[in-house]
Amino acid sequence: MPKTEVKVSLTAEERDHLDKQAKALNLSRSSLMRLRALGDPSAGAQPAAPALSIRKYQKAVTSALKAANGSAPRHVVEAIVAAVVCAIYDKEQEPSKPAQAAG
């Protein structure tokens, strides 16, 4: 069956992110996109979110500071934003295990 080309516009960050995912699965970017578009689970059931840029992170901190309306210092608000971002972007994070004593 002949193939039809479909064009997709991506930012450089999005393209790089897809390239990393494709490399991890040993696929070409186009193969990864084709499999994902067709819902093939071999290409990863849950596509990962693109990397968070410094600019987006700073914008989130600024928004949180405005929402806090001076009720918390910047370092506290920034720690909260960082914790939320980590929770969202690191869905596969396992709970930390207690350290074992050397003996």
PDB file of N, CA and C in Angstrom:
ATOM      1  N   MET A   1       0.847  -1.169   0.000  1.00  0.00           N
ATOM      2  CA  MET A   1       0.000   0.000   0.000  1.00  0.00           C
ATOM      3  C   MET A   1       0.897   1.238   0.000  1.00  0.00           C
ATOM      4  N   PRO A   2       0.643   2.188  -0.891  1.00  0.00           N
ATOM      5  CA  PRO A   2       1.485   3.389  -0.936  1.00  0.00           C
ATOM      6  C   PRO A   2       1.303   4.246   0.304  1.00  0.00           C
ATOM      7  N   LYS A   3       2.374   4.901   0.710  1.00  0.00           N
ATOM      8  CA  LYS A   3       2.330   5.767   1.890  1.00  0.00           C
ATOM      9  C   LYS A   3       2.095   7.202   1.472  1.00  0.00           C
ATOM     10  N   THR A   4       1.404   7.951   2.336  1.00  0.00           N
ATOM     11  CA  THR A   4       1.162   9.368   2.131  1.00  0.00           C
ATOM     12  C   THR A   4       1.946  10.140   3.167  1.00  0.00           C
ATOM     13  N   GLU A   5       2.639  11.165   2.742  1.00  0.00           N
ATOM     14  CA  GLU A   5       3.417  11.983   3.661  1.00  0.00           C
ATOM     15  C   GLU A   5       2.493  12.930   4.417  1.00  0.00           C
ATOM     16  N   VAL A   6       2.713  13.030   5.729  1.00  0.00           N
ATOM     17  CA  VAL A   6       1.972  13.953   6.581  1.00  0.00           C
ATOM     18  C   VAL A   6       2.999  14.852   7.254  1.00  0.00           C
ATOM     19  N   LYS A   7       2.830  16.155   7.123  1.00  0.00           N
ATOM     20  CA  LYS A   7       3.777  17.088   7.725  1.00  0.00           C
ATOM     21  C   LYS A   7       3.304  17.475   9.118  1.00  0.00           C
ATOM     22  N   VAL A   8       4.258  17.582  10.024  1.00  0.00           N
ATOM     23  CA  VAL A   8       3.988  17.967  11.409  1.00  0.00           C
ATOM     24  C   VAL A   8       4.964  19.080  11.775  1.00  0.00           C
ATOM     25  N   SER A   9       4.442  20.121  12.395  1.00  0.00           N
ATOM     26  CA  SER A   9       5.309  21.221  12.846  1.00  0.00           C
ATOM     27  C   SER A   9       5.668  21.008  14.305  1.00  0.00           C
ATOM     28  N   LEU A  10       6.960  21.033  14.598  1.00  0.00           N
ATOM     29  CA  LEU A  10       7.459  20.833  15.959  1.00  0.00           C
ATOM     30  C   LEU A  10       8.453  21.931  16.296  1.00  0.00           C
ATOM     31  N   THR A  11       8.541  22.246  17.577  1.00  0.00           N
ATOM     32  CA  THR A  11       9.606  23.138  18.013  1.00  0.00           C
ATOM     33  C   THR A  11      10.895  22.322  18.043  1.00  0.00           C
ATOM     34  N   ALA A  12      12.007  22.999  18.143  1.00  0.00           N
ATOM     35  CA  ALA A  12      13.292  22.294  18.239  1.00  0.00           C
ATOM     36  C   ALA A  12      13.312  21.408  19.483  1.00  0.00           C
ATOM     37  N   GLU A  13      12.756  21.904  20.591  1.00  0.00           N
ATOM     38  CA  GLU A  13      12.715  21.109  21.831  1.00  0.00           C
ATOM     39  C   GLU A  13      11.870  19.856  21.647  1.00  0.00           C
ATOM     40  N   GLU A  14      10.716  19.992  21.002  1.00  0.00           N
ATOM     41  CA  GLU A  14       9.846  18.838  20.773  1.00  0.00           C
ATOM     42  C   GLU A  14      10.519  17.813  19.867  1.00  0.00           C
ATOM     43  N   ARG A  15      11.183  18.295  18.816  1.00  0.00           N
ATOM     44  CA  ARG A  15      11.885  17.390  17.899  1.00  0.00           C
ATOM     45  C   ARG A  15      12.996  16.646  18.630  1.00  0.00           C
ATOM     46  N   ASP A  16      13.777  17.371  19.429  1.00  0.00           N
ATOM     47  CA  ASP A  16      14.864  16.739  20.181  1.00  0.00           C
ATOM     48  C   ASP A  16      14.317  15.704  21.159  1.00  0.00           C
ATOM     49  N   HIS A  17      13.198  16.035  21.774  1.00  0.00           N
ATOM     50  CA  HIS A  17      12.575  15.106  22.722  1.00  0.00           C
ATOM     51  C   HIS A  17      12.137  13.824  22.003  1.00  0.00           C
ATOM     52  N   LEU A  18      11.507  13.973  20.847  1.00  0.00           N
ATOM     53  CA  LEU A  18      11.113  12.791  20.070  1.00  0.00           C
ATOM     54  C   LEU A  18      12.327  11.983  19.639  1.00  0.00           C
ATOM     55  N   ASP A  19      13.399  12.676  19.251  1.00  0.00           N
ATOM     56  CA  ASP A  19      14.622  11.972  18.858  1.00  0.00           C
ATOM     57  C   ASP A  19      15.173  11.129  20.004  1.00  0.00           C
ATOM     58  N   LYS A  20      15.156  11.681  21.225  1.00  0.00           N
ATOM     59  CA  LYS A  20      15.647  10.936  22.388  1.00  0.00           C
ATOM     60  C   LYS A  20      14.777   9.715  22.657  1.00  0.00           C
ATOM     61  N   GLN A  21      13.467   9.894  22.554  1.00  0.00           N
ATOM     62  CA  GLN A  21      12.558   8.771  22.782  1.00  0.00           C
ATOM     63  C   GLN A  21      12.751   7.695  21.714  1.00  0.00           C
ATOM     64  N   ALA A  22      12.879   8.128  20.459  1.00  0.00           N
ATOM     65  CA  ALA A  22      13.067   7.175  19.369  1.00  0.00           C
ATOM     66  C   ALA A  22      14.376   6.402  19.547  1.00  0.00           C
ATOM     67  N   LYS A  23      15.422   7.107  19.925  1.00  0.00           N
ATOM     68  CA  LYS A  23      16.717   6.452  20.135  1.00  0.00           C
ATOM     69  C   LYS A  23      16.625   5.417  21.260  1.00  0.00           C
ATOM     70  N   ALA A  24      15.899   5.768  22.344  1.00  0.00           N
ATOM     71  CA  ALA A  24      15.748   4.836  23.467  1.00  0.00           C
ATOM     72  C   ALA A  24      15.008   3.566  23.050  1.00  0.00           C
ATOM     73  N   LEU A  25      14.120   3.684  22.066  1.00  0.00           N
ATOM     74  CA  LEU A  25      13.359   2.529  21.582  1.00  0.00           C
ATOM     75  C   LEU A  25      13.982   1.898  20.338  1.00  0.00           C
ATOM     76  N   ASN A  26      15.139   2.438  19.913  1.00  0.00           N
ATOM     77  CA  ASN A  26      15.846   1.956  18.719  1.00  0.00           C
ATOM     78  C   ASN A  26      14.969   2.064  17.469  1.00  0.00           C
ATOM     79  N   LEU A  27      14.305   3.223  17.334  1.00  0.00           N
ATOM     80  CA  LEU A  27      13.444   3.503  16.188  1.00  0.00           C
ATOM     81  C   LEU A  27      13.866   4.818  15.543  1.00  0.00           C
ATOM     82  N   SER A  28      13.435   5.029  14.324  1.00  0.00           N
ATOM     83  CA  SER A  28      13.597   6.344  13.718  1.00  0.00           C
ATOM     84  C   SER A  28      12.492   7.246  14.274  1.00  0.00           C
ATOM     85  N   ARG A  29      12.694   8.544  14.177  1.00  0.00           N
ATOM     86  CA  ARG A  29      11.666   9.481  14.651  1.00  0.00           C
ATOM     87  C   ARG A  29      10.350   9.253  13.913  1.00  0.00           C
ATOM     88  N   SER A  30      10.406   9.060  12.595  1.00  0.00           N
ATOM     89  CA  SER A  30       9.170   8.869  11.835  1.00  0.00           C
ATOM     90  C   SER A  30       8.466   7.575  12.227  1.00  0.00           C
ATOM     91  N   SER A  31       9.235   6.513  12.493  1.00  0.00           N
ATOM     92  CA  SER A  31       8.621   5.254  12.929  1.00  0.00           C
ATOM     93  C   SER A  31       7.936   5.419  14.281  1.00  0.00           C
ATOM     94  N   LEU A  32       8.609   6.114  15.202  1.00  0.00           N
ATOM     95  CA  LEU A  32       8.018   6.366  16.511  1.00  0.00           C
ATOM     96  C   LEU A  32       6.710   7.141  16.374  1.00  0.00           C
ATOM     97  N   MET A  33       6.732   8.200  15.575  1.00  0.00           N
ATOM     98  CA  MET A  33       5.532   9.020  15.403  1.00  0.00           C
ATOM     99  C   MET A  33       4.410   8.218  14.737  1.00  0.00           C
ATOM    100  N   ARG A  34       4.747   7.397  13.752  1.00  0.00           N
ATOM    101  CA  ARG A  34       3.748   6.574  13.069  1.00  0.00           C
ATOM    102  C   ARG A  34       3.110   5.592  14.058  1.00  0.00           C
ATOM    103  N   LEU A  35       3.944   4.910  14.832  1.00  0.00           N
ATOM    104  CA  LEU A  35       3.422   3.944  15.789  1.00  0.00           C
ATOM    105  C   LEU A  35       2.545   4.619  16.846  1.00  0.00           C
ATOM    106  N   ARG A  36       2.987   5.761  17.345  1.00  0.00           N
ATOM    107  CA  ARG A  36       2.196   6.482  18.343  1.00  0.00           C
ATOM    108  C   ARG A  36       0.889   6.989  17.763  1.00  0.00           C
ATOM    109  N   ALA A  37       0.931   7.505  16.538  1.00  0.00           N
ATOM    110  CA  ALA A  37      -0.278   8.025  15.903  1.00  0.00           C
ATOM    111  C   ALA A  37      -1.310   6.918  15.693  1.00  0.00           C
ATOM    112  N   LEU A  38      -0.816   5.695  15.454  1.00  0.00           N
ATOM    113  CA  LEU A  38      -1.716   4.568  15.240  1.00  0.00           C
ATOM    114  C   LEU A  38      -2.047   3.825  16.528  1.00  0.00           C
ATOM    115  N   GLY A  39      -1.523   4.321  17.661  1.00  0.00           N
ATOM    116  CA  GLY A  39      -1.855   3.740  18.958  1.00  0.00           C
ATOM    117  C   GLY A  39      -1.158   2.432  19.272  1.00  0.00           C
ATOM    118  N   ASP A  40      -0.049   2.170  18.620  1.00  0.00           N
ATOM    119  CA  ASP A  40       0.696   0.935  18.868  1.00  0.00           C
ATOM    120  C   ASP A  40       1.374   0.999  20.231  1.00  0.00           C
ATOM    121  N   PRO A  41       1.048   0.078  21.147  1.00  0.00           N
ATOM    122  CA  PRO A  41       1.642   0.125  22.487  1.00  0.00           C
ATOM    123  C   PRO A  41       3.143  -0.154  22.521  1.00  0.00           C
ATOM    124  N   SER A  42       3.710  -0.701  21.456  1.00  0.00           N
ATOM    125  CA  SER A  42       5.155  -0.968  21.456  1.00  0.00           C
ATOM    126  C   SER A  42       5.969   0.319  21.439  1.00  0.00           C
ATOM    127  N   ALA A  43       5.333   1.438  21.104  1.00  0.00           N
ATOM    128  CA  ALA A  43       6.037   2.718  21.054  1.00  0.00           C
ATOM    129  C   ALA A  43       5.881   3.486  22.351  1.00  0.00           C
ATOM    130  N   GLY A  44       5.433   2.830  23.391  1.00  0.00           N
ATOM    131  CA  GLY A  44       5.265   3.484  24.686  1.00  0.00           C
ATOM    132  C   GLY A  44       3.820   3.879  24.900  1.00  0.00           C
ATOM    133  N   ALA A  45       3.235   3.368  25.945  1.00  0.00           N
ATOM    134  CA  ALA A  45       1.817   3.623  26.212  1.00  0.00           C
ATOM    135  C   ALA A  45       1.566   5.073  26.591  1.00  0.00           C
ATOM    136  N   GLN A  46       2.484   5.671  27.320  1.00  0.00           N
ATOM    137  CA  GLN A  46       2.303   7.048  27.766  1.00  0.00           C
ATOM    138  C   GLN A  46       3.470   7.883  27.273  1.00  0.00           C
ATOM    139  N   PRO A  47       3.230   8.705  26.253  1.00  0.00           N
ATOM    140  CA  PRO A  47       4.326   9.552  25.797  1.00  0.00           C
ATOM    141  C   PRO A  47       4.759  10.504  26.895  1.00  0.00           C
ATOM    142  N   ALA A  48       6.055  10.671  27.034  1.00  0.00           N
ATOM    143  CA  ALA A  48       6.589  11.562  28.070  1.00  0.00           C
ATOM    144  C   ALA A  48       6.370  13.012  27.672  1.00  0.00           C
ATOM    145  N   ALA A  49       6.222  13.844  28.645  1.00  0.00           N
ATOM    146  CA  ALA A  49       6.058  15.276  28.398  1.00  0.00           C
ATOM    147  C   ALA A  49       7.390  15.850  27.931  1.00  0.00           C
ATOM    148  N   PRO A  50       7.343  16.869  27.098  1.00  0.00           N
ATOM    149  CA  PRO A  50       8.598  17.488  26.687  1.00  0.00           C
ATOM    150  C   PRO A  50       9.318  18.115  27.878  1.00  0.00           C
ATOM    151  N   ALA A  51      10.603  18.269  27.731  1.00  0.00           N
ATOM    152  CA  ALA A  51      11.406  18.829  28.823  1.00  0.00           C
ATOM    153  C   ALA A  51      10.913  20.229  29.202  1.00  0.00           C
ATOM    154  N   LEU A  52      11.030  20.538  30.452  1.00  0.00           N
ATOM    155  CA  LEU A  52      10.634  21.850  30.961  1.00  0.00           C
ATOM    156  C   LEU A  52      11.802  22.809  30.785  1.00  0.00           C
ATOM    157  N   SER A  53      11.545  23.917  30.114  1.00  0.00           N
ATOM    158  CA  SER A  53      12.605  24.902  29.901  1.00  0.00           C
ATOM    159  C   SER A  53      12.746  25.782  31.140  1.00  0.00           C
ATOM    160  N   ILE A  54      13.893  26.413  31.264  1.00  0.00           N
ATOM    161  CA  ILE A  54      14.132  27.341  32.373  1.00  0.00           C
ATOM    162  C   ILE A  54      13.102  28.472  32.331  1.00  0.00           C
ATOM    163  N   ARG A  55      12.814  28.958  31.147  1.00  0.00           N
ATOM    164  CA  ARG A  55      11.848  30.053  31.002  1.00  0.00           C
ATOM    165  C   ARG A  55      10.464  29.649  31.527  1.00  0.00           C
ATOM    166  N   LYS A  56      10.020  28.428  31.197  1.00  0.00           N
ATOM    167  CA  LYS A  56       8.713  27.958  31.677  1.00  0.00           C
ATOM    168  C   LYS A  56       8.726  27.787  33.197  1.00  0.00           C
ATOM    169  N   TYR A  57       9.833  27.289  33.717  1.00  0.00           N
ATOM    170  CA  TYR A  57       9.955  27.122  35.165  1.00  0.00           C
ATOM    171  C   TYR A  57       9.897  28.477  35.870  1.00  0.00           C
ATOM    172  N   GLN A  58      10.635  29.451  35.346  1.00  0.00           N
ATOM    173  CA  GLN A  58      10.629  30.796  35.944  1.00  0.00           C
ATOM    174  C   GLN A  58       9.240  31.423  35.871  1.00  0.00           C
ATOM    175  N   LYS A  59       8.533  31.178  34.780  1.00  0.00           N
ATOM    176  CA  LYS A  59       7.171  31.695  34.644  1.00  0.00           C
ATOM    177  C   LYS A  59       6.257  31.047  35.693  1.00  0.00           C
ATOM    178  N   ALA A  60       6.440  29.759  35.960  1.00  0.00           N
ATOM    179  CA  ALA A  60       5.643  29.073  36.975  1.00  0.00           C
ATOM    180  C   ALA A  60       5.931  29.648  38.362  1.00  0.00           C
ATOM    181  N   VAL A  61       7.190  29.918  38.659  1.00  0.00           N
ATOM    182  CA  VAL A  61       7.561  30.512  39.946  1.00  0.00           C
ATOM    183  C   VAL A  61       6.948  31.900  40.078  1.00  0.00           C
ATOM    184  N   THR A  62       7.035  32.697  39.030  1.00  0.00           N
ATOM    185  CA  THR A  62       6.464  34.049  39.051  1.00  0.00           C
ATOM    186  C   THR A  62       4.958  33.992  39.274  1.00  0.00           C
ATOM    187  N   SER A  63       4.283  33.086  38.602  1.00  0.00           N
ATOM    188  CA  SER A  63       2.835  32.937  38.777  1.00  0.00           C
ATOM    189  C   SER A  63       2.493  32.518  40.206  1.00  0.00           C
ATOM    190  N   ALA A  64       3.283  31.602  40.759  1.00  0.00           N
ATOM    191  CA  ALA A  64       3.043  31.152  42.126  1.00  0.00           C
ATOM    192  C   ALA A  64       3.280  32.279  43.126  1.00  0.00           C
ATOM    193  N   LEU A  65       4.304  33.092  42.882  1.00  0.00           N
ATOM    194  CA  LEU A  65       4.561  34.238  43.758  1.00  0.00           C
ATOM    195  C   LEU A  65       3.394  35.219  43.740  1.00  0.00           C
ATOM    196  N   LYS A  66       2.849  35.473  42.563  1.00  0.00           N
ATOM    197  CA  LYS A  66       1.689  36.358  42.453  1.00  0.00           C
ATOM    198  C   LYS A  66       0.495  35.768  43.197  1.00  0.00           C
ATOM    199  N   ALA A  67       0.277  34.463  43.055  1.00  0.00           N
ATOM    200  CA  ALA A  67      -0.840  33.800  43.729  1.00  0.00           C
ATOM    201  C   ALA A  67      -0.661  33.817  45.247  1.00  0.00           C
ATOM    202  N   ALA A  68       0.591  33.713  45.718  1.00  0.00           N
ATOM    203  CA  ALA A  68       0.859  33.726  47.158  1.00  0.00           C
ATOM    204  C   ALA A  68       0.664  35.117  47.747  1.00  0.00           C
ATOM    205  N   ASN A  69       0.731  36.130  46.894  1.00  0.00           N
ATOM    206  CA  ASN A  69       0.462  37.511  47.302  1.00  0.00           C
ATOM    207  C   ASN A  69       1.264  37.936  48.536  1.00  0.00           C
ATOM    208  N   GLY A  70       2.540  37.564  48.536  1.00  0.00           N
ATOM    209  CA  GLY A  70       3.417  37.994  49.617  1.00  0.00           C
ATOM    210  C   GLY A  70       3.329  37.180  50.887  1.00  0.00           C
ATOM    211  N   SER A  71       2.542  36.104  50.885  1.00  0.00           N
ATOM    212  CA  SER A  71       2.382  35.318  52.108  1.00  0.00           C
ATOM    213  C   SER A  71       3.537  34.351  52.365  1.00  0.00           C
ATOM    214  N   ALA A  72       4.429  34.194  51.391  1.00  0.00           N
ATOM    215  CA  ALA A  72       5.576  33.299  51.568  1.00  0.00           C
ATOM    216  C   ALA A  72       6.768  33.892  50.818  1.00  0.00           C
ATOM    217  N   PRO A  73       7.975  33.729  51.376  1.00  0.00           N
ATOM    218  CA  PRO A  73       9.167  34.240  50.685  1.00  0.00           C
ATOM    219  C   PRO A  73       9.444  33.437  49.401  1.00  0.00           C
ATOM    220  N   ARG A  74      10.172  34.069  48.499  1.00  0.00           N
ATOM    221  CA  ARG A  74      10.443  33.458  47.192  1.00  0.00           C
ATOM    222  C   ARG A  74      11.057  32.062  47.330  1.00  0.00           C
ATOM    223  N   HIS A  75      12.023  31.886  48.234  1.00  0.00           N
ATOM    224  CA  HIS A  75      12.686  30.577  48.317  1.00  0.00           C
ATOM    225  C   HIS A  75      11.705  29.468  48.722  1.00  0.00           C
ATOM    226  N   VAL A  76      10.694  29.808  49.504  1.00  0.00           N
ATOM    227  CA  VAL A  76       9.681  28.810  49.892  1.00  0.00           C
ATOM    228  C   VAL A  76       8.788  28.494  48.696  1.00  0.00           C
ATOM    229  N   VAL A  77       8.330  29.535  48.014  1.00  0.00           N
ATOM    230  CA  VAL A  77       7.472  29.343  46.843  1.00  0.00           C
ATOM    231  C   VAL A  77       8.226  28.560  45.763  1.00  0.00           C
ATOM    232  N   GLU A  78       9.488  28.892  45.557  1.00  0.00           N
ATOM    233  CA  GLU A  78      10.270  28.189  44.544  1.00  0.00           C
ATOM    234  C   GLU A  78      10.443  26.714  44.903  1.00  0.00           C
ATOM    235  N   ALA A  79      10.630  26.406  46.173  1.00  0.00           N
ATOM    236  CA  ALA A  79      10.738  25.008  46.594  1.00  0.00           C
ATOM    237  C   ALA A  79       9.433  24.256  46.340  1.00  0.00           C
ATOM    238  N   ILE A  80       8.318  24.918  46.574  1.00  0.00           N
ATOM    239  CA  ILE A  80       7.020  24.284  46.325  1.00  0.00           C
ATOM    240  C   ILE A  80       6.828  24.035  44.832  1.00  0.00           C
ATOM    241  N   VAL A  81       7.131  25.030  44.012  1.00  0.00           N
ATOM    242  CA  VAL A  81       7.011  24.871  42.555  1.00  0.00           C
ATOM    243  C   VAL A  81       7.908  23.726  42.076  1.00  0.00           C
ATOM    244  N   ALA A  82       9.134  23.677  42.572  1.00  0.00           N
ATOM    245  CA  ALA A  82      10.061  22.611  42.174  1.00  0.00           C
ATOM    246  C   ALA A  82       9.506  21.234  42.548  1.00  0.00           C
ATOM    247  N   ALA A  83       8.920  21.117  43.733  1.00  0.00           N
ATOM    248  CA  ALA A  83       8.352  19.837  44.165  1.00  0.00           C
ATOM    249  C   ALA A  83       7.184  19.425  43.270  1.00  0.00           C
ATOM    250  N   VAL A  84       6.343  20.380  42.910  1.00  0.00           N
ATOM    251  CA  VAL A  84       5.201  20.081  42.045  1.00  0.00           C
ATOM    252  C   VAL A  84       5.678  19.674  40.648  1.00  0.00           C
ATOM    253  N   VAL A  85       6.633  20.415  40.101  1.00  0.00           N
ATOM    254  CA  VAL A  85       7.158  20.090  38.776  1.00  0.00           C
ATOM    255  C   VAL A  85       7.775  18.689  38.787  1.00  0.00           C
ATOM    256  N   CYS A  86       8.541  18.377  39.805  1.00  0.00           N
ATOM    257  CA  CYS A  86       9.151  17.043  39.896  1.00  0.00           C
ATOM    258  C   CYS A  86       8.086  15.962  39.976  1.00  0.00           C
ATOM    259  N   ALA A  87       7.040  16.207  40.734  1.00  0.00           N
ATOM    260  CA  ALA A  87       5.966  15.222  40.861  1.00  0.00           C
ATOM    261  C   ALA A  87       5.267  14.997  39.523  1.00  0.00           C
ATOM    262  N   ILE A  88       5.091  16.049  38.758  1.00  0.00           N
ATOM    263  CA  ILE A  88       4.418  15.935  37.462  1.00  0.00           C
ATOM    264  C   ILE A  88       5.318  15.263  36.427  1.00  0.00           C
ATOM    265  N   TYR A  89       6.582  15.664  36.360  1.00  0.00           N
ATOM    266  CA  TYR A  89       7.481  15.176  35.321  1.00  0.00           C
ATOM    267  C   TYR A  89       8.151  13.849  35.652  1.00  0.00           C
ATOM    268  N   ASP A  90       8.144  13.437  36.889  1.00  0.00           N
ATOM    269  CA  ASP A  90       8.803  12.186  37.266  1.00  0.00           C
ATOM    270  C   ASP A  90       7.768  11.197  37.765  1.00  0.00           C
ATOM    271  N   LYS A  91       6.858  10.805  36.869  1.00  0.00           N
ATOM    272  CA  LYS A  91       5.760   9.913  37.236  1.00  0.00           C
ATOM    273  C   LYS A  91       6.245   8.535  37.672  1.00  0.00           C
ATOM    274  N   GLU A  92       7.432   8.145  37.219  1.00  0.00           N
ATOM    275  CA  GLU A  92       7.946   6.816  37.535  1.00  0.00           C
ATOM    276  C   GLU A  92       8.843   6.802  38.761  1.00  0.00           C
ATOM    277  N   GLN A  93       8.880   7.902  39.483  1.00  0.00           N
ATOM    278  CA  GLN A  93       9.739   7.994  40.659  1.00  0.00           C
ATOM    279  C   GLN A  93       9.270   7.004  41.722  1.00  0.00           C
ATOM    280  N   GLU A  94      10.185   6.216  42.218  1.00  0.00           N
ATOM    281  CA  GLU A  94       9.859   5.259  43.268  1.00  0.00           C
ATOM    282  C   GLU A  94      10.089   5.916  44.620  1.00  0.00           C
ATOM    283  N   PRO A  95       9.299   5.527  45.610  1.00  0.00           N
ATOM    284  CA  PRO A  95       9.545   6.069  46.947  1.00  0.00           C
ATOM    285  C   PRO A  95      10.955   5.723  47.397  1.00  0.00           C
ATOM    286  N   SER A  96      11.590   6.646  48.093  1.00  0.00           N
ATOM    287  CA  SER A  96      12.954   6.380  48.537  1.00  0.00           C
ATOM    288  C   SER A  96      12.961   5.287  49.595  1.00  0.00           C
ATOM    289  N   LYS A  97      13.987   4.458  49.504  1.00  0.00           N
ATOM    290  CA  LYS A  97      14.120   3.355  50.449  1.00  0.00           C
ATOM    291  C   LYS A  97      15.052   3.793  51.574  1.00  0.00           C
ATOM    292  N   PRO A  98      14.774   3.365  52.791  1.00  0.00           N
ATOM    293  CA  PRO A  98      15.665   3.740  53.895  1.00  0.00           C
ATOM    294  C   PRO A  98      17.076   3.180  53.675  1.00  0.00           C
ATOM    295  N   ALA A  99      18.053   3.961  54.039  1.00  0.00           N
ATOM    296  CA  ALA A  99      19.440   3.528  53.901  1.00  0.00           C
ATOM    297  C   ALA A  99      19.735   2.404  54.890  1.00  0.00           C
ATOM    298  N   GLN A 100      20.506   1.434  54.422  1.00  0.00           N
ATOM    299  CA  GLN A 100      20.876   0.334  55.302  1.00  0.00           C
ATOM    300  C   GLN A 100      22.217   0.625  55.942  1.00  0.00           C
ATOM    301  N   ALA A 101      22.300   0.292  57.215  1.00  0.00           N
ATOM    302  CA  ALA A 101      23.543   0.526  57.951  1.00  0.00           C
ATOM    303  C   ALA A 101      24.616  -0.429  57.459  1.00  0.00           C
ATOM    304  N   ALA A 102      25.813   0.111  57.320  1.00  0.00           N
ATOM    305  CA  ALA A 102      26.946  -0.730  56.925  1.00  0.00           C
ATOM    306  C   ALA A 102      27.330  -1.601  58.113  1.00  0.00           C
ATOM    307  N   GLY A 103      27.592  -2.809  57.829  1.00  0.00           N
ATOM    308  CA  GLY A 103      27.931  -3.616  58.996  1.00  0.00           C
ATOM    309  C   GLY A 103      28.569  -4.832  58.678  1.00  0.00           C
TER     310      GLY A 103
END
